[in-house]
Protein backbone atom coordinates (compact mmCIF):
# COMPACT_ATOMS: atom_id res chain seq x y z
CA UNK A 1 17.57 175.66 -57.06
CA UNK A 2 20.91 176.38 -55.41
CA UNK A 3 24.21 175.81 -57.10
CA UNK A 4 25.98 172.58 -56.16
CA UNK A 5 28.97 174.43 -54.59
CA UNK A 6 26.59 176.14 -52.18
CA UNK A 7 25.02 172.77 -51.35
CA UNK A 8 28.49 171.30 -50.71
CA UNK A 9 29.13 174.14 -48.29
CA UNK A 10 25.81 173.43 -46.55
CA UNK A 11 26.74 169.72 -46.29
CA UNK A 12 30.02 170.73 -44.64
CA UNK A 13 28.21 173.10 -42.29
CA UNK A 14 25.87 170.27 -41.27
CA UNK A 15 28.84 167.98 -40.57
CA UNK A 16 30.42 170.75 -38.50
CA UNK A 17 27.06 171.29 -36.71
CA UNK A 18 27.00 174.94 -37.68
CA UNK A 19 23.97 174.89 -39.97
CA UNK A 20 20.90 177.01 -39.29
CA UNK A 21 17.32 175.68 -39.45
CA UNK A 22 16.61 177.53 -42.71
CA UNK A 23 19.79 176.20 -44.31
CA UNK A 24 18.89 172.70 -43.13
CA UNK A 25 15.50 172.94 -44.90
CA UNK A 26 17.16 174.14 -48.12
CA UNK A 27 19.72 171.34 -47.95
CA UNK A 28 17.13 168.61 -47.31
CA UNK A 29 14.97 169.83 -50.23
CA UNK A 30 17.95 169.75 -52.57
CA UNK A 31 19.13 166.32 -51.33
CA UNK A 32 15.63 164.92 -52.01
CA UNK A 33 15.86 166.08 -55.63
CA UNK A 34 19.58 165.60 -56.50
CA UNK A 35 21.07 162.07 -56.37
CA UNK A 36 24.65 163.37 -56.91
CA UNK A 37 24.53 165.63 -53.86
CA UNK A 38 22.75 162.87 -51.90
CA UNK A 39 25.67 160.49 -52.67
CA UNK A 40 28.17 163.19 -51.74
CA UNK A 41 26.36 163.78 -48.44
CA UNK A 42 26.31 160.04 -47.68
CA UNK A 43 30.03 159.72 -48.51
CA UNK A 44 30.95 162.75 -46.37
CA UNK A 45 28.96 161.37 -43.42
CA UNK A 46 30.73 158.01 -43.85
CA UNK A 47 34.14 159.73 -43.82
CA UNK A 48 33.23 161.71 -40.74
CA UNK A 49 31.97 158.58 -38.98
CA UNK A 50 35.19 156.74 -39.89
CA UNK A 51 37.31 159.59 -38.57
CA UNK A 52 35.45 159.71 -35.27
CA UNK A 53 35.74 155.93 -34.82
CA UNK A 54 39.51 155.78 -35.35
CA UNK A 55 41.45 154.01 -32.63
CA UNK A 56 44.15 156.04 -30.92
CA UNK A 57 47.55 154.60 -31.67
CA UNK A 58 50.50 155.40 -29.46
CA UNK A 59 53.99 154.26 -30.40
CA UNK A 60 56.04 152.37 -27.86
CA UNK A 61 58.58 153.89 -25.54
CA UNK A 62 61.45 152.85 -27.80
CA UNK A 63 59.92 154.31 -30.97
CA UNK A 64 62.36 157.23 -31.27
CA UNK A 65 65.39 155.02 -30.65
CA UNK A 66 64.27 152.49 -33.27
CA UNK A 67 63.65 155.17 -35.89
CA UNK A 68 66.96 156.91 -35.18
CA UNK A 69 68.88 153.63 -35.38
CA UNK A 70 67.26 152.79 -38.73
CA UNK A 71 68.27 156.24 -39.98
CA UNK A 72 71.83 155.49 -38.94
CA UNK A 73 72.10 157.83 -35.94
CA UNK A 74 73.80 156.61 -32.80
CA UNK A 75 72.84 157.80 -29.36
CA UNK A 76 75.70 159.86 -27.99
CA UNK A 77 75.97 162.41 -25.26
CA UNK A 78 77.40 165.79 -26.22
CA UNK A 79 79.16 166.17 -22.90
CA UNK A 80 81.08 162.87 -23.30
CA UNK A 81 83.57 164.40 -25.76
CA UNK A 82 83.88 167.57 -23.70
CA UNK A 83 84.45 165.53 -20.52
CA UNK A 84 87.27 163.63 -22.19
CA UNK A 85 88.87 166.87 -23.40
CA UNK A 86 88.59 168.49 -19.97
CA UNK A 87 89.98 165.37 -18.30
CA UNK A 88 92.97 165.34 -20.63
CA UNK A 89 93.61 169.04 -20.11
CA UNK A 90 93.38 168.59 -16.33
CA UNK A 91 95.83 165.68 -16.45
CA UNK A 92 98.21 167.70 -18.66
CA UNK A 93 98.07 170.64 -16.27
CA UNK A 94 98.74 168.37 -13.28
CA UNK A 95 101.73 166.81 -15.06
CA UNK A 96 103.06 170.25 -16.00
CA UNK A 97 102.79 171.50 -12.43
CA UNK A 98 104.41 168.35 -11.07
CA UNK A 99 107.37 168.27 -13.49
CA UNK A 100 107.85 172.00 -14.12
CA UNK A 101 111.00 173.68 -12.74
CA UNK A 102 108.88 176.77 -12.00
CA UNK A 103 106.74 174.95 -9.45
CA UNK A 104 109.19 175.03 -6.54
CA UNK A 105 109.75 178.83 -6.52
CA UNK A 106 106.04 179.50 -7.02
CA UNK A 107 105.02 177.25 -4.15
CA UNK A 108 107.70 178.84 -1.98
CA UNK A 109 106.34 182.32 -2.71
CA UNK A 110 102.78 181.17 -2.12
CA UNK A 111 103.67 179.65 1.25
CA UNK A 112 105.57 182.75 2.40
CA UNK A 113 102.73 185.01 1.34
CA UNK A 114 100.05 182.76 2.83
CA UNK A 115 99.45 184.98 5.89
CA UNK A 116 98.82 187.96 3.59
CA UNK A 117 96.45 185.89 1.48
CA UNK A 118 94.59 184.78 4.62
CA UNK A 119 94.24 188.41 5.76
CA UNK A 120 92.82 189.38 2.35
CA UNK A 121 90.40 186.43 2.45
CA UNK A 122 89.30 187.40 5.98
CA UNK A 123 88.67 190.99 4.86
CA UNK A 124 86.76 189.79 1.83
CA UNK A 125 84.67 187.52 4.06
CA UNK A 126 83.94 190.47 6.34
CA UNK A 127 82.82 192.60 3.38
CA UNK A 128 80.65 189.77 2.00
CA UNK A 129 79.07 189.25 5.43
CA UNK A 130 78.32 192.97 5.62
CA UNK A 131 76.72 192.90 2.19
CA UNK A 132 74.73 189.82 3.20
CA UNK A 133 73.47 191.53 6.35
CA UNK A 134 72.43 194.48 4.21
CA UNK A 135 70.69 192.53 1.47
CA UNK A 136 68.93 189.86 3.56
CA UNK A 137 66.51 192.14 5.50
CA UNK A 138 65.90 194.14 2.36
CA UNK A 139 64.81 191.08 0.42
CA UNK A 140 62.77 189.65 3.31
CA UNK A 141 60.91 192.94 3.75
CA UNK A 142 59.88 193.06 0.12
CA UNK A 143 62.08 196.12 -0.48
CA UNK A 144 60.45 198.24 2.23
CA UNK A 145 61.87 201.81 1.95
CA UNK A 146 62.42 202.10 5.73
CA UNK A 147 64.59 198.98 5.76
CA UNK A 148 66.35 200.27 2.69
CA UNK A 149 67.28 203.56 4.40
CA UNK A 150 68.45 201.80 7.58
CA UNK A 151 70.37 199.20 5.59
CA UNK A 152 72.13 201.79 3.44
CA UNK A 153 73.18 203.80 6.49
CA UNK A 154 74.47 200.67 8.28
CA UNK A 155 76.24 199.53 5.15
CA UNK A 156 77.93 202.92 4.76
CA UNK A 157 79.00 202.80 8.41
CA UNK A 158 80.48 199.34 7.98
CA UNK A 159 82.35 200.40 4.85
CA UNK A 160 83.76 203.48 6.60
CA UNK A 161 84.89 201.43 9.62
CA UNK A 162 86.36 198.77 7.37
CA UNK A 163 88.23 201.43 5.39
CA UNK A 164 89.69 202.89 8.59
CA UNK A 165 90.74 199.41 9.72
CA UNK A 166 92.42 198.69 6.40
CA UNK A 167 94.17 202.08 6.43
CA UNK A 168 95.37 201.49 10.01
CA UNK A 169 96.74 198.07 9.00
CA UNK A 170 98.52 199.60 6.01
CA UNK A 171 100.26 202.17 8.20
CA UNK A 172 101.23 199.43 10.71
CA UNK A 173 102.68 197.24 7.91
CA UNK A 174 104.57 200.17 6.36
CA UNK A 175 106.31 201.01 9.65
């Protein structure tokens, strides 16, 4: 006769549907002779049946909000405080610029140097366009080495021409 712990393991294997035919025969013989193990087997089958027949329960949409409110937490957005701080700093900066005695000379310098700023922006746009024309075919080709070689040579040519143009403009401005 098997020990009761081994029989309990066989009962669990049967419930898990992992029992072999030989183990099933041993288990049935023991259950016929032992009322304690028979009761345990019946109880385990009842528990398994109850577990399989449970109804799925899904909480409502507002479950989290109800639990959090009962715990004393309020729904707040993290960005709300930051937005208020940024808004106040923006308003303070605008007031400073408007009422500052430094504003008038700074705006005057900015307006007189506006043509130079526009030239710099135009040159930067030209450089960015050149980089875009270099990168776009390279990406579209899946980094084909032929396109890479052609693109690098064109890019170098554009940079050299742009450098000569900038140098020529420097010498014209210095004169």
